Amino acid sequence: MTFSIVGRCERSGMFGVAISTSSICVGSRCPWARARVGAVATQNVTDPSLGTALLELLARDFNARQALAVVLESGLNMEYRQLTLIDRNGLVAHHSGAKTLGTHGVSTGRDCVAAGNLLANPAVPGAMTEHFIGHPDAHLAQRLVDSLAAGLGAGGEEGVVKSAALLVVHERSWPLVDLRVDWHDDAPIETLRDLWNAYEPQMNDYVTRALDPASAPAYGVLGDP
């Protein structure tokens, strides 16, 4: 029911996930990331606890493959899970259990891993990683959301996607970008990209407001001096 891409920006050290699915509120269950640690996507018949479990292992200096091996060995129902992750050094790992739904697949590339299930065709993950690798100078959020759109353009999910999310972390304990389209009848990925285009010019202002409110720009809303 889902396709996603997990990636790292080698220049900035950012990590992130872009993801879309046919069910509601994918951003509340499936993308996970932690600054200076890594990023994870949990999908198919998802168990959200696996996202935090994998990030905890990465934070303890397990690499991506080691962290995944620990989770697979200790967890239950792993035949239903599809997992992708990237660590602080850009190493990726992935798992698609025997009960992953429909046409499914994984594609890896430099600093990225894409995966999907119930896909329209097996080429979708490769279209995502190809786009990501081909745009190394773009902001990570832009690379991720455009790569997700490339997956849609390659066929996307077998059914109509209804929700999408974009999560990026950088230097702080909170996300730099956390945008979600929880439900849209026919264009959640396009709407997510529109949200990113609107958010990008204001993105760093919100960091400044958190760290140094006295120097932060005005909000530009009614009642704000």
N, C-alpha and C. Protein backbone atom coordinates (compact mmCIF):
# COMPACT_ATOMS: atom_id res chain seq x y z
N MET A 1 0.80 -1.21 0.00
CA MET A 1 0.00 0.00 0.00
C MET A 1 0.84 1.26 0.00
N THR A 2 2.16 1.15 -0.11
CA THR A 2 3.04 2.28 0.19
C THR A 2 4.27 2.28 -0.69
N PHE A 3 4.77 3.50 -1.03
CA PHE A 3 6.11 3.60 -1.59
C PHE A 3 6.81 4.79 -0.94
N SER A 4 8.12 4.66 -0.79
CA SER A 4 8.87 5.64 -0.01
C SER A 4 10.31 5.69 -0.45
N ILE A 5 10.99 6.78 -0.03
CA ILE A 5 12.44 6.88 -0.20
C ILE A 5 13.03 7.48 1.06
N VAL A 6 14.10 6.88 1.53
CA VAL A 6 14.87 7.33 2.69
C VAL A 6 16.22 7.81 2.18
N GLY A 7 16.68 8.98 2.65
CA GLY A 7 17.94 9.50 2.12
C GLY A 7 18.72 10.35 3.09
N ARG A 8 19.97 10.58 2.70
CA ARG A 8 20.90 11.41 3.46
C ARG A 8 21.53 12.41 2.51
N CYS A 9 21.75 13.64 2.99
CA CYS A 9 22.53 14.62 2.24
C CYS A 9 23.96 14.58 2.77
N GLU A 10 24.88 14.15 1.94
CA GLU A 10 26.26 14.02 2.38
C GLU A 10 26.87 15.38 2.73
N ARG A 11 26.47 16.43 2.02
CA ARG A 11 27.03 17.77 2.26
C ARG A 11 26.59 18.34 3.61
N SER A 12 25.31 18.27 3.91
CA SER A 12 24.76 18.92 5.10
C SER A 12 24.63 18.00 6.30
N GLY A 13 24.59 16.69 6.07
CA GLY A 13 24.34 15.75 7.15
C GLY A 13 22.87 15.55 7.47
N MET A 14 21.98 16.12 6.66
CA MET A 14 20.55 15.93 6.88
C MET A 14 20.14 14.50 6.56
N PHE A 15 19.08 14.05 7.22
CA PHE A 15 18.43 12.78 6.93
C PHE A 15 16.94 13.03 6.70
N GLY A 16 16.31 12.16 5.89
CA GLY A 16 14.89 12.35 5.70
C GLY A 16 14.20 11.20 5.01
N VAL A 17 12.87 11.32 4.97
CA VAL A 17 11.99 10.32 4.36
C VAL A 17 10.88 11.04 3.62
N ALA A 18 10.54 10.56 2.43
CA ALA A 18 9.31 10.96 1.75
C ALA A 18 8.52 9.69 1.46
N ILE A 19 7.20 9.74 1.68
CA ILE A 19 6.41 8.51 1.64
C ILE A 19 4.98 8.82 1.24
N SER A 20 4.34 7.88 0.56
CA SER A 20 2.94 8.02 0.17
C SER A 20 2.25 6.67 0.21
N THR A 21 0.93 6.70 0.45
CA THR A 21 0.17 5.46 0.54
C THR A 21 -1.29 5.70 0.23
N SER A 22 -2.05 4.63 0.11
CA SER A 22 -3.48 4.74 -0.18
C SER A 22 -4.33 4.87 1.08
N SER A 23 -3.74 4.74 2.25
CA SER A 23 -4.48 4.87 3.50
C SER A 23 -4.24 6.25 4.12
N ILE A 24 -4.98 6.54 5.18
CA ILE A 24 -4.95 7.86 5.78
C ILE A 24 -3.71 8.05 6.67
N CYS A 25 -3.21 9.26 6.73
CA CYS A 25 -2.22 9.70 7.73
C CYS A 25 -0.93 8.88 7.74
N VAL A 26 -0.33 8.66 6.58
CA VAL A 26 0.90 7.87 6.54
C VAL A 26 2.01 8.50 7.37
N GLY A 27 2.00 9.83 7.47
CA GLY A 27 3.06 10.51 8.21
C GLY A 27 3.05 10.25 9.69
N SER A 28 1.93 9.74 10.22
CA SER A 28 1.85 9.48 11.65
C SER A 28 2.41 8.12 12.04
N ARG A 29 2.69 7.25 11.06
CA ARG A 29 3.07 5.87 11.37
C ARG A 29 4.39 5.41 10.78
N CYS A 30 4.78 5.99 9.66
CA CYS A 30 5.80 5.32 8.84
C CYS A 30 7.16 6.01 8.71
N PRO A 31 7.28 7.34 8.67
CA PRO A 31 8.61 7.95 8.55
C PRO A 31 9.22 8.29 9.92
N TRP A 32 10.51 8.00 10.05
CA TRP A 32 11.22 8.24 11.31
C TRP A 32 12.61 8.77 10.99
N ALA A 33 13.08 9.75 11.75
CA ALA A 33 14.42 10.28 11.53
C ALA A 33 14.91 10.97 12.80
N ARG A 34 16.22 10.95 12.98
CA ARG A 34 16.84 11.61 14.13
C ARG A 34 18.13 12.27 13.68
N ALA A 35 18.30 13.52 14.07
CA ALA A 35 19.49 14.28 13.67
C ALA A 35 20.76 13.56 14.11
N ARG A 36 21.74 13.54 13.21
CA ARG A 36 23.06 12.95 13.43
C ARG A 36 23.02 11.42 13.62
N VAL A 37 21.87 10.81 13.39
CA VAL A 37 21.72 9.38 13.63
C VAL A 37 21.32 8.64 12.36
N GLY A 38 20.18 9.00 11.77
CA GLY A 38 19.74 8.31 10.57
C GLY A 38 18.26 8.48 10.33
N ALA A 39 17.72 7.68 9.42
CA ALA A 39 16.31 7.73 9.07
C ALA A 39 15.81 6.33 8.73
N VAL A 40 14.50 6.13 8.93
CA VAL A 40 13.87 4.83 8.78
C VAL A 40 12.49 5.01 8.16
N ALA A 41 12.08 4.08 7.31
CA ALA A 41 10.69 3.96 6.89
C ALA A 41 10.17 2.59 7.29
N THR A 42 9.01 2.55 7.95
CA THR A 42 8.36 1.31 8.32
C THR A 42 7.04 1.24 7.55
N GLN A 43 6.83 0.19 6.77
CA GLN A 43 5.64 0.17 5.91
C GLN A 43 5.14 -1.26 5.68
N ASN A 44 4.26 -1.41 4.70
CA ASN A 44 3.47 -2.62 4.44
C ASN A 44 2.45 -2.75 5.56
N VAL A 45 2.40 -3.85 6.31
CA VAL A 45 1.56 -3.92 7.51
C VAL A 45 2.45 -3.41 8.64
N THR A 46 2.37 -2.10 8.90
CA THR A 46 3.45 -1.46 9.64
C THR A 46 3.33 -1.61 11.15
N ASP A 47 4.48 -1.63 11.79
CA ASP A 47 4.59 -1.57 13.25
C ASP A 47 5.42 -0.33 13.55
N PRO A 48 4.79 0.78 13.96
CA PRO A 48 5.54 2.02 14.17
C PRO A 48 6.66 1.91 15.19
N SER A 49 6.54 0.99 16.15
CA SER A 49 7.58 0.87 17.17
C SER A 49 8.93 0.48 16.57
N LEU A 50 8.93 -0.12 15.39
CA LEU A 50 10.19 -0.51 14.76
C LEU A 50 11.00 0.70 14.33
N GLY A 51 10.34 1.81 14.04
CA GLY A 51 11.07 3.02 13.68
C GLY A 51 11.94 3.52 14.82
N THR A 52 11.34 3.64 16.00
CA THR A 52 12.12 4.11 17.15
C THR A 52 13.15 3.07 17.58
N ALA A 53 12.81 1.79 17.47
CA ALA A 53 13.77 0.75 17.85
C ALA A 53 15.01 0.80 16.97
N LEU A 54 14.83 0.98 15.67
CA LEU A 54 15.98 1.06 14.76
C LEU A 54 16.79 2.32 15.00
N LEU A 55 16.14 3.45 15.25
CA LEU A 55 16.88 4.69 15.52
C LEU A 55 17.68 4.58 16.82
N GLU A 56 17.13 3.93 17.83
CA GLU A 56 17.87 3.74 19.07
C GLU A 56 19.14 2.94 18.85
N LEU A 57 19.05 1.90 18.04
CA LEU A 57 20.24 1.11 17.73
C LEU A 57 21.26 1.91 16.93
N LEU A 58 20.79 2.69 15.96
CA LEU A 58 21.71 3.53 15.20
C LEU A 58 22.39 4.55 16.11
N ALA A 59 21.65 5.08 17.07
CA ALA A 59 22.23 6.05 18.01
C ALA A 59 23.30 5.41 18.89
N ARG A 60 23.23 4.10 19.06
CA ARG A 60 24.23 3.36 19.85
C ARG A 60 25.38 2.87 18.98
N ASP A 61 25.50 3.43 17.79
CA ASP A 61 26.61 3.16 16.86
C ASP A 61 26.53 1.80 16.18
N PHE A 62 25.37 1.16 16.20
CA PHE A 62 25.16 0.06 15.27
C PHE A 62 25.06 0.65 13.87
N ASN A 63 25.63 -0.01 12.86
CA ASN A 63 25.38 0.48 11.51
C ASN A 63 24.02 -0.02 11.04
N ALA A 64 23.61 0.41 9.87
CA ALA A 64 22.25 0.10 9.40
C ALA A 64 22.00 -1.40 9.33
N ARG A 65 22.95 -2.14 8.80
CA ARG A 65 22.75 -3.59 8.64
C ARG A 65 22.73 -4.29 9.99
N GLN A 66 23.58 -3.86 10.90
CA GLN A 66 23.59 -4.46 12.23
C GLN A 66 22.28 -4.17 12.96
N ALA A 67 21.82 -2.93 12.88
CA ALA A 67 20.57 -2.55 13.56
C ALA A 67 19.40 -3.36 13.02
N LEU A 68 19.33 -3.49 11.70
CA LEU A 68 18.24 -4.26 11.11
C LEU A 68 18.30 -5.72 11.54
N ALA A 69 19.49 -6.29 11.59
CA ALA A 69 19.63 -7.69 12.01
C ALA A 69 19.13 -7.90 13.43
N VAL A 70 19.43 -6.97 14.32
CA VAL A 70 18.98 -7.08 15.71
C VAL A 70 17.46 -7.04 15.78
N VAL A 71 16.86 -6.11 15.06
CA VAL A 71 15.40 -5.98 15.09
C VAL A 71 14.72 -7.20 14.48
N LEU A 72 15.25 -7.69 13.38
CA LEU A 72 14.65 -8.86 12.74
C LEU A 72 14.72 -10.09 13.64
N GLU A 73 15.82 -10.21 14.38
CA GLU A 73 16.00 -11.38 15.24
C GLU A 73 15.12 -11.31 16.48
N SER A 74 14.91 -10.11 16.97
CA SER A 74 14.19 -9.97 18.25
C SER A 74 12.70 -9.71 18.08
N GLY A 75 12.26 -9.31 16.89
CA GLY A 75 10.88 -8.92 16.72
C GLY A 75 9.97 -10.05 16.29
N LEU A 76 8.65 -9.79 16.39
CA LEU A 76 7.63 -10.73 15.97
C LEU A 76 6.97 -10.23 14.68
N ASN A 77 6.41 -11.16 13.94
CA ASN A 77 5.63 -10.82 12.75
C ASN A 77 6.44 -10.10 11.67
N MET A 78 7.72 -10.39 11.61
CA MET A 78 8.56 -9.70 10.65
C MET A 78 8.25 -10.07 9.20
N GLU A 79 7.52 -11.15 9.00
CA GLU A 79 7.14 -11.51 7.64
C GLU A 79 6.16 -10.51 7.04
N TYR A 80 5.52 -9.69 7.88
CA TYR A 80 4.58 -8.67 7.41
C TYR A 80 5.24 -7.31 7.18
N ARG A 81 6.47 -7.14 7.60
CA ARG A 81 7.08 -5.80 7.63
C ARG A 81 7.96 -5.54 6.42
N GLN A 82 7.91 -4.29 5.97
CA GLN A 82 8.88 -3.79 4.98
C GLN A 82 9.58 -2.60 5.62
N LEU A 83 10.90 -2.69 5.73
CA LEU A 83 11.70 -1.71 6.45
C LEU A 83 12.85 -1.23 5.59
N THR A 84 13.13 0.06 5.65
CA THR A 84 14.32 0.62 5.02
C THR A 84 14.96 1.60 5.99
N LEU A 85 16.28 1.70 5.94
CA LEU A 85 16.97 2.63 6.84
C LEU A 85 18.33 3.03 6.28
N ILE A 86 18.81 4.17 6.79
CA ILE A 86 20.13 4.68 6.43
C ILE A 86 20.80 5.19 7.69
N ASP A 87 22.10 4.97 7.81
CA ASP A 87 22.81 5.40 9.01
C ASP A 87 23.63 6.65 8.74
N ARG A 88 24.35 7.13 9.75
CA ARG A 88 25.07 8.40 9.66
C ARG A 88 26.17 8.39 8.61
N ASN A 89 26.62 7.22 8.22
CA ASN A 89 27.67 7.11 7.20
C ASN A 89 27.14 6.85 5.80
N GLY A 90 25.81 6.80 5.67
CA GLY A 90 25.22 6.57 4.36
C GLY A 90 25.01 5.11 4.01
N LEU A 91 25.30 4.19 4.94
CA LEU A 91 25.05 2.78 4.69
C LEU A 91 23.55 2.51 4.80
N VAL A 92 23.00 1.76 3.86
CA VAL A 92 21.57 1.46 3.88
C VAL A 92 21.34 -0.02 4.14
N ALA A 93 20.11 -0.32 4.59
CA ALA A 93 19.69 -1.70 4.79
C ALA A 93 18.19 -1.77 4.54
N HIS A 94 17.70 -2.97 4.23
CA HIS A 94 16.28 -3.10 3.94
C HIS A 94 15.81 -4.52 4.20
N HIS A 95 14.51 -4.64 4.41
CA HIS A 95 13.87 -5.94 4.65
C HIS A 95 12.47 -5.91 4.06
N SER A 96 12.12 -6.92 3.29
CA SER A 96 10.75 -7.11 2.81
C SER A 96 10.34 -8.53 3.19
N GLY A 97 9.44 -8.64 4.15
CA GLY A 97 9.04 -9.94 4.64
C GLY A 97 8.28 -10.75 3.61
N ALA A 98 8.16 -12.03 3.88
CA ALA A 98 7.53 -12.95 2.94
C ALA A 98 6.08 -12.60 2.66
N LYS A 99 5.44 -11.87 3.56
CA LYS A 99 4.04 -11.49 3.38
C LYS A 99 3.90 -10.03 2.96
N THR A 100 4.96 -9.45 2.38
CA THR A 100 4.84 -8.12 1.80
C THR A 100 3.82 -8.18 0.66
N LEU A 101 2.98 -7.17 0.59
CA LEU A 101 1.80 -7.23 -0.27
C LEU A 101 2.11 -6.96 -1.74
N GLY A 102 1.49 -7.73 -2.60
CA GLY A 102 1.47 -7.46 -4.03
C GLY A 102 2.84 -7.37 -4.67
N THR A 103 2.90 -6.63 -5.78
CA THR A 103 4.18 -6.35 -6.43
C THR A 103 4.98 -5.44 -5.52
N HIS A 104 6.17 -5.87 -5.15
CA HIS A 104 6.97 -5.07 -4.23
C HIS A 104 8.44 -5.12 -4.65
N GLY A 105 9.20 -4.16 -4.15
CA GLY A 105 10.61 -4.12 -4.51
C GLY A 105 11.36 -3.07 -3.75
N VAL A 106 12.69 -3.10 -3.91
CA VAL A 106 13.59 -2.18 -3.24
C VAL A 106 14.66 -1.75 -4.24
N SER A 107 15.10 -0.50 -4.13
CA SER A 107 16.22 -0.01 -4.93
C SER A 107 17.14 0.78 -4.02
N THR A 108 18.44 0.55 -4.14
CA THR A 108 19.42 1.29 -3.34
C THR A 108 20.34 2.09 -4.25
N GLY A 109 20.87 3.17 -3.70
CA GLY A 109 21.83 3.99 -4.42
C GLY A 109 22.65 4.78 -3.42
N ARG A 110 23.51 5.62 -3.90
CA ARG A 110 24.35 6.42 -3.01
C ARG A 110 23.47 7.27 -2.09
N ASP A 111 23.57 7.03 -0.80
CA ASP A 111 22.86 7.79 0.23
C ASP A 111 21.35 7.66 0.15
N CYS A 112 20.82 6.58 -0.41
CA CYS A 112 19.37 6.46 -0.48
C CYS A 112 18.94 5.01 -0.62
N VAL A 113 17.70 4.75 -0.21
CA VAL A 113 17.05 3.46 -0.42
C VAL A 113 15.56 3.72 -0.59
N ALA A 114 14.96 3.12 -1.61
CA ALA A 114 13.54 3.27 -1.88
C ALA A 114 12.89 1.90 -1.89
N ALA A 115 11.62 1.85 -1.48
CA ALA A 115 10.91 0.59 -1.42
C ALA A 115 9.42 0.83 -1.60
N GLY A 116 8.72 -0.23 -1.99
CA GLY A 116 7.28 -0.12 -2.12
C GLY A 116 6.62 -1.48 -2.14
N ASN A 117 5.32 -1.46 -1.92
CA ASN A 117 4.51 -2.67 -1.99
C ASN A 117 3.18 -2.32 -2.64
N LEU A 118 2.48 -3.32 -3.14
CA LEU A 118 1.27 -3.11 -3.94
C LEU A 118 1.53 -2.09 -5.05
N LEU A 119 2.67 -2.23 -5.70
CA LEU A 119 3.09 -1.27 -6.73
C LEU A 119 2.43 -1.58 -8.06
N ALA A 120 2.31 -0.53 -8.88
CA ALA A 120 1.79 -0.72 -10.23
C ALA A 120 2.75 -1.54 -11.08
N ASN A 121 4.05 -1.42 -10.80
CA ASN A 121 5.06 -2.19 -11.53
C ASN A 121 6.36 -2.18 -10.73
N PRO A 122 7.30 -3.08 -11.03
CA PRO A 122 8.54 -3.19 -10.24
C PRO A 122 9.52 -2.04 -10.45
N ALA A 123 9.27 -1.15 -11.42
CA ALA A 123 10.23 -0.09 -11.72
C ALA A 123 10.13 1.10 -10.78
N VAL A 124 9.11 1.16 -9.95
CA VAL A 124 8.86 2.35 -9.14
C VAL A 124 10.02 2.68 -8.19
N PRO A 125 10.54 1.74 -7.39
CA PRO A 125 11.65 2.10 -6.49
C PRO A 125 12.87 2.62 -7.24
N GLY A 126 13.20 2.01 -8.37
CA GLY A 126 14.35 2.46 -9.14
C GLY A 126 14.19 3.87 -9.68
N ALA A 127 12.96 4.25 -10.04
CA ALA A 127 12.72 5.61 -10.51
C ALA A 127 12.99 6.62 -9.41
N MET A 128 12.69 6.25 -8.18
CA MET A 128 12.92 7.16 -7.05
C MET A 128 14.41 7.34 -6.77
N THR A 129 15.14 6.24 -6.69
CA THR A 129 16.58 6.37 -6.41
C THR A 129 17.32 7.04 -7.57
N GLU A 130 16.89 6.77 -8.79
CA GLU A 130 17.53 7.40 -9.94
C GLU A 130 17.41 8.92 -9.87
N HIS A 131 16.22 9.40 -9.52
CA HIS A 131 16.04 10.84 -9.41
C HIS A 131 16.87 11.41 -8.26
N PHE A 132 16.85 10.72 -7.13
CA PHE A 132 17.59 11.21 -5.96
C PHE A 132 19.07 11.34 -6.27
N ILE A 133 19.65 10.32 -6.86
CA ILE A 133 21.08 10.32 -7.17
C ILE A 133 21.42 11.40 -8.19
N GLY A 134 20.50 11.69 -9.08
CA GLY A 134 20.76 12.65 -10.14
C GLY A 134 20.68 14.10 -9.73
N HIS A 135 20.32 14.40 -8.48
CA HIS A 135 20.17 15.79 -8.04
C HIS A 135 20.87 16.03 -6.70
N PRO A 136 22.19 15.81 -6.65
CA PRO A 136 22.90 15.89 -5.38
C PRO A 136 22.99 17.29 -4.79
N ASP A 137 22.81 18.32 -5.59
CA ASP A 137 22.98 19.69 -5.10
C ASP A 137 21.70 20.31 -4.56
N ALA A 138 20.57 19.66 -4.76
CA ALA A 138 19.31 20.19 -4.26
C ALA A 138 19.18 19.97 -2.76
N HIS A 139 18.35 20.78 -2.11
CA HIS A 139 18.05 20.56 -0.69
C HIS A 139 17.48 19.17 -0.52
N LEU A 140 17.83 18.51 0.58
CA LEU A 140 17.38 17.14 0.77
C LEU A 140 15.86 17.01 0.69
N ALA A 141 15.14 17.94 1.28
CA ALA A 141 13.68 17.87 1.21
C ALA A 141 13.19 17.91 -0.23
N GLN A 142 13.80 18.77 -1.03
CA GLN A 142 13.43 18.85 -2.45
C GLN A 142 13.74 17.55 -3.16
N ARG A 143 14.91 17.00 -2.91
CA ARG A 143 15.29 15.73 -3.54
C ARG A 143 14.31 14.62 -3.18
N LEU A 144 13.91 14.58 -1.93
CA LEU A 144 13.03 13.51 -1.48
C LEU A 144 11.62 13.63 -2.07
N VAL A 145 11.05 14.82 -2.00
CA VAL A 145 9.68 14.97 -2.51
C VAL A 145 9.64 14.82 -4.02
N ASP A 146 10.67 15.30 -4.72
CA ASP A 146 10.71 15.11 -6.17
C ASP A 146 10.95 13.65 -6.54
N SER A 147 11.71 12.94 -5.73
CA SER A 147 11.91 11.51 -5.97
C SER A 147 10.62 10.74 -5.75
N LEU A 148 9.85 11.14 -4.75
CA LEU A 148 8.55 10.52 -4.54
C LEU A 148 7.64 10.75 -5.75
N ALA A 149 7.66 11.97 -6.27
CA ALA A 149 6.88 12.27 -7.47
C ALA A 149 7.36 11.45 -8.66
N ALA A 150 8.67 11.20 -8.74
CA ALA A 150 9.19 10.36 -9.82
C ALA A 150 8.67 8.93 -9.70
N GLY A 151 8.53 8.46 -8.47
CA GLY A 151 7.94 7.14 -8.26
C GLY A 151 6.50 7.09 -8.71
N LEU A 152 5.76 8.15 -8.43
CA LEU A 152 4.38 8.23 -8.90
C LEU A 152 4.34 8.25 -10.43
N GLY A 153 5.26 9.01 -11.02
CA GLY A 153 5.31 9.09 -12.47
C GLY A 153 5.65 7.76 -13.13
N ALA A 154 6.37 6.91 -12.40
CA ALA A 154 6.73 5.59 -12.93
C ALA A 154 5.62 4.57 -12.75
N GLY A 155 4.53 4.99 -12.14
CA GLY A 155 3.39 4.08 -11.94
C GLY A 155 2.82 4.12 -10.54
N GLY A 156 3.70 4.38 -9.55
CA GLY A 156 3.25 4.49 -8.17
C GLY A 156 2.60 3.23 -7.65
N GLU A 157 1.64 3.41 -6.81
CA GLU A 157 0.91 2.30 -6.21
C GLU A 157 -0.13 1.78 -7.19
N GLU A 158 -0.52 0.54 -7.02
CA GLU A 158 -1.52 -0.05 -7.90
C GLU A 158 -2.85 0.70 -7.81
N GLY A 159 -3.21 1.16 -6.61
CA GLY A 159 -4.40 1.96 -6.41
C GLY A 159 -4.07 3.43 -6.33
N VAL A 160 -5.05 4.25 -5.95
CA VAL A 160 -4.87 5.70 -5.84
C VAL A 160 -4.30 6.04 -4.47
N VAL A 161 -3.21 6.80 -4.42
CA VAL A 161 -2.66 7.20 -3.13
C VAL A 161 -3.50 8.32 -2.53
N LYS A 162 -3.57 8.35 -1.21
CA LYS A 162 -4.44 9.29 -0.51
C LYS A 162 -3.72 10.16 0.51
N SER A 163 -2.53 9.76 0.95
CA SER A 163 -1.79 10.58 1.90
C SER A 163 -0.31 10.55 1.57
N ALA A 164 0.43 11.55 2.06
CA ALA A 164 1.86 11.65 1.79
C ALA A 164 2.51 12.45 2.91
N ALA A 165 3.82 12.26 3.09
CA ALA A 165 4.54 12.96 4.16
C ALA A 165 5.99 13.17 3.77
N LEU A 166 6.56 14.23 4.34
CA LEU A 166 7.96 14.59 4.12
C LEU A 166 8.57 14.96 5.47
N LEU A 167 9.60 14.24 5.88
CA LEU A 167 10.26 14.45 7.16
C LEU A 167 11.76 14.61 6.94
N VAL A 168 12.34 15.71 7.44
CA VAL A 168 13.77 15.96 7.33
C VAL A 168 14.29 16.48 8.66
N VAL A 169 15.41 15.92 9.12
CA VAL A 169 16.06 16.41 10.33
C VAL A 169 17.45 16.92 9.97
N HIS A 170 17.94 17.88 10.82
CA HIS A 170 19.28 18.42 10.57
C HIS A 170 20.07 18.45 11.87
N GLU A 171 20.19 19.62 12.49
CA GLU A 171 21.09 19.75 13.64
C GLU A 171 20.37 19.75 14.98
N ARG A 172 19.06 19.90 14.98
CA ARG A 172 18.31 20.08 16.22
C ARG A 172 17.56 18.81 16.60
N SER A 173 17.00 18.83 17.79
CA SER A 173 16.26 17.66 18.27
C SER A 173 14.87 17.57 17.67
N TRP A 174 14.44 18.63 17.00
CA TRP A 174 13.14 18.62 16.32
C TRP A 174 13.36 18.62 14.82
N PRO A 175 12.34 18.22 14.05
CA PRO A 175 12.52 18.18 12.60
C PRO A 175 12.70 19.57 11.99
N LEU A 176 13.53 19.65 10.98
CA LEU A 176 13.63 20.86 10.18
C LEU A 176 12.41 20.99 9.28
N VAL A 177 11.95 19.87 8.76
CA VAL A 177 10.76 19.81 7.89
C VAL A 177 9.90 18.65 8.34
N ASP A 178 8.62 18.91 8.58
CA ASP A 178 7.68 17.86 8.94
C ASP A 178 6.33 18.23 8.34
N LEU A 179 6.13 17.85 7.09
CA LEU A 179 4.94 18.23 6.32
C LEU A 179 4.13 16.99 5.99
N ARG A 180 2.81 17.11 6.11
CA ARG A 180 1.95 15.96 5.92
C ARG A 180 0.68 16.34 5.15
N VAL A 181 0.29 15.48 4.26
CA VAL A 181 -1.03 15.54 3.65
C VAL A 181 -1.75 14.29 4.14
N ASP A 182 -2.60 14.44 5.14
CA ASP A 182 -3.20 13.28 5.79
C ASP A 182 -4.29 12.63 4.96
N TRP A 183 -4.95 13.40 4.09
CA TRP A 183 -5.95 12.81 3.20
C TRP A 183 -6.20 13.76 2.03
N HIS A 184 -6.11 13.23 0.85
CA HIS A 184 -6.43 13.99 -0.36
C HIS A 184 -7.01 13.02 -1.37
N ASP A 185 -8.10 13.40 -1.99
CA ASP A 185 -8.81 12.45 -2.84
C ASP A 185 -8.01 11.96 -4.03
N ASP A 186 -7.16 12.84 -4.59
CA ASP A 186 -6.49 12.39 -5.81
C ASP A 186 -5.07 12.92 -6.01
N ALA A 187 -4.56 13.82 -5.15
CA ALA A 187 -3.24 14.39 -5.44
C ALA A 187 -2.45 14.70 -4.18
N PRO A 188 -2.23 13.74 -3.28
CA PRO A 188 -1.48 14.06 -2.06
C PRO A 188 -0.02 14.40 -2.31
N ILE A 189 0.62 13.77 -3.29
CA ILE A 189 2.03 14.04 -3.53
C ILE A 189 2.22 15.43 -4.13
N GLU A 190 1.38 15.80 -5.06
CA GLU A 190 1.44 17.14 -5.63
C GLU A 190 1.17 18.19 -4.55
N THR A 191 0.21 17.90 -3.67
CA THR A 191 -0.10 18.83 -2.59
C THR A 191 1.06 18.92 -1.61
N LEU A 192 1.72 17.79 -1.33
CA LEU A 192 2.89 17.80 -0.46
C LEU A 192 4.00 18.66 -1.06
N ARG A 193 4.23 18.56 -2.35
CA ARG A 193 5.25 19.37 -3.00
C ARG A 193 4.89 20.85 -2.93
N ASP A 194 3.60 21.18 -3.07
CA ASP A 194 3.17 22.57 -2.93
C ASP A 194 3.43 23.08 -1.51
N LEU A 195 3.17 22.23 -0.51
CA LEU A 195 3.46 22.61 0.87
C LEU A 195 4.94 22.88 1.07
N TRP A 196 5.80 22.03 0.52
CA TRP A 196 7.23 22.25 0.63
C TRP A 196 7.63 23.56 -0.04
N ASN A 197 7.10 23.84 -1.21
CA ASN A 197 7.45 25.09 -1.90
C ASN A 197 7.02 26.30 -1.10
N ALA A 198 5.90 26.20 -0.37
CA ALA A 198 5.46 27.31 0.48
C ALA A 198 6.28 27.41 1.76
N TYR A 199 6.70 26.26 2.28
CA TYR A 199 7.41 26.23 3.55
C TYR A 199 8.89 26.60 3.42
N GLU A 200 9.51 26.24 2.33
CA GLU A 200 10.96 26.42 2.20
C GLU A 200 11.42 27.84 2.48
N PRO A 201 10.77 28.90 1.96
CA PRO A 201 11.26 30.25 2.24
C PRO A 201 11.17 30.64 3.71
N GLN A 202 10.33 29.97 4.49
CA GLN A 202 10.15 30.30 5.91
C GLN A 202 10.88 29.33 6.84
N MET A 203 11.44 28.27 6.28
CA MET A 203 11.96 27.17 7.07
C MET A 203 12.97 27.63 8.12
N ASN A 204 13.96 28.38 7.72
CA ASN A 204 15.01 28.77 8.66
C ASN A 204 14.54 29.82 9.65
N ASP A 205 13.49 30.57 9.32
CA ASP A 205 12.93 31.53 10.27
C ASP A 205 12.40 30.83 11.51
N TYR A 206 11.83 29.65 11.33
CA TYR A 206 11.29 28.93 12.49
C TYR A 206 12.41 28.41 13.38
N VAL A 207 13.55 28.09 12.81
CA VAL A 207 14.70 27.71 13.61
C VAL A 207 15.19 28.91 14.42
N THR A 208 15.27 30.07 13.77
CA THR A 208 15.69 31.29 14.46
C THR A 208 14.75 31.65 15.60
N ARG A 209 13.45 31.51 15.38
CA ARG A 209 12.49 31.81 16.43
C ARG A 209 12.68 30.92 17.65
N ALA A 210 13.12 29.69 17.43
CA ALA A 210 13.37 28.78 18.55
C ALA A 210 14.65 29.12 19.29
N LEU A 211 15.70 29.51 18.55
CA LEU A 211 17.02 29.69 19.15
C LEU A 211 17.29 31.12 19.60
N ASP A 212 16.75 32.10 18.88
CA ASP A 212 17.03 33.50 19.17
C ASP A 212 15.81 34.35 18.83
N PRO A 213 14.77 34.28 19.66
CA PRO A 213 13.53 34.97 19.32
C PRO A 213 13.68 36.47 19.11
N ALA A 214 14.64 37.10 19.81
CA ALA A 214 14.79 38.56 19.70
C ALA A 214 15.20 38.98 18.29
N SER A 215 15.90 38.11 17.59
CA SER A 215 16.35 38.48 16.24
C SER A 215 15.48 37.86 15.15
N ALA A 216 14.43 37.17 15.55
CA ALA A 216 13.61 36.46 14.57
C ALA A 216 12.73 37.40 13.78
N PRO A 217 12.47 37.11 12.53
CA PRO A 217 11.58 37.95 11.73
C PRO A 217 10.15 37.85 12.20
N ALA A 218 9.36 38.87 11.90
CA ALA A 218 7.96 38.88 12.26
C ALA A 218 7.22 37.78 11.51
N TYR A 219 6.08 37.40 12.06
CA TYR A 219 5.28 36.35 11.44
C TYR A 219 4.49 36.85 10.24
N GLY A 220 4.23 38.14 10.20
CA GLY A 220 3.47 38.69 9.09
C GLY A 220 1.99 38.35 9.14
N VAL A 221 1.47 38.16 10.35
CA VAL A 221 0.05 37.87 10.50
C VAL A 221 -0.61 39.00 11.26
N LEU A 222 -1.92 39.05 11.20
CA LEU A 222 -2.68 40.10 11.85
C LEU A 222 -2.38 40.16 13.35
N GLY A 223 -2.03 41.36 13.84
CA GLY A 223 -1.70 41.54 15.23
C GLY A 223 -0.25 41.40 15.57
N ASP A 224 0.56 40.91 14.63
CA ASP A 224 2.00 40.77 14.86
C ASP A 224 2.67 42.09 14.54
N PRO A 225 3.43 42.69 15.47
CA PRO A 225 4.03 44.01 15.21
C PRO A 225 5.08 43.95 14.11
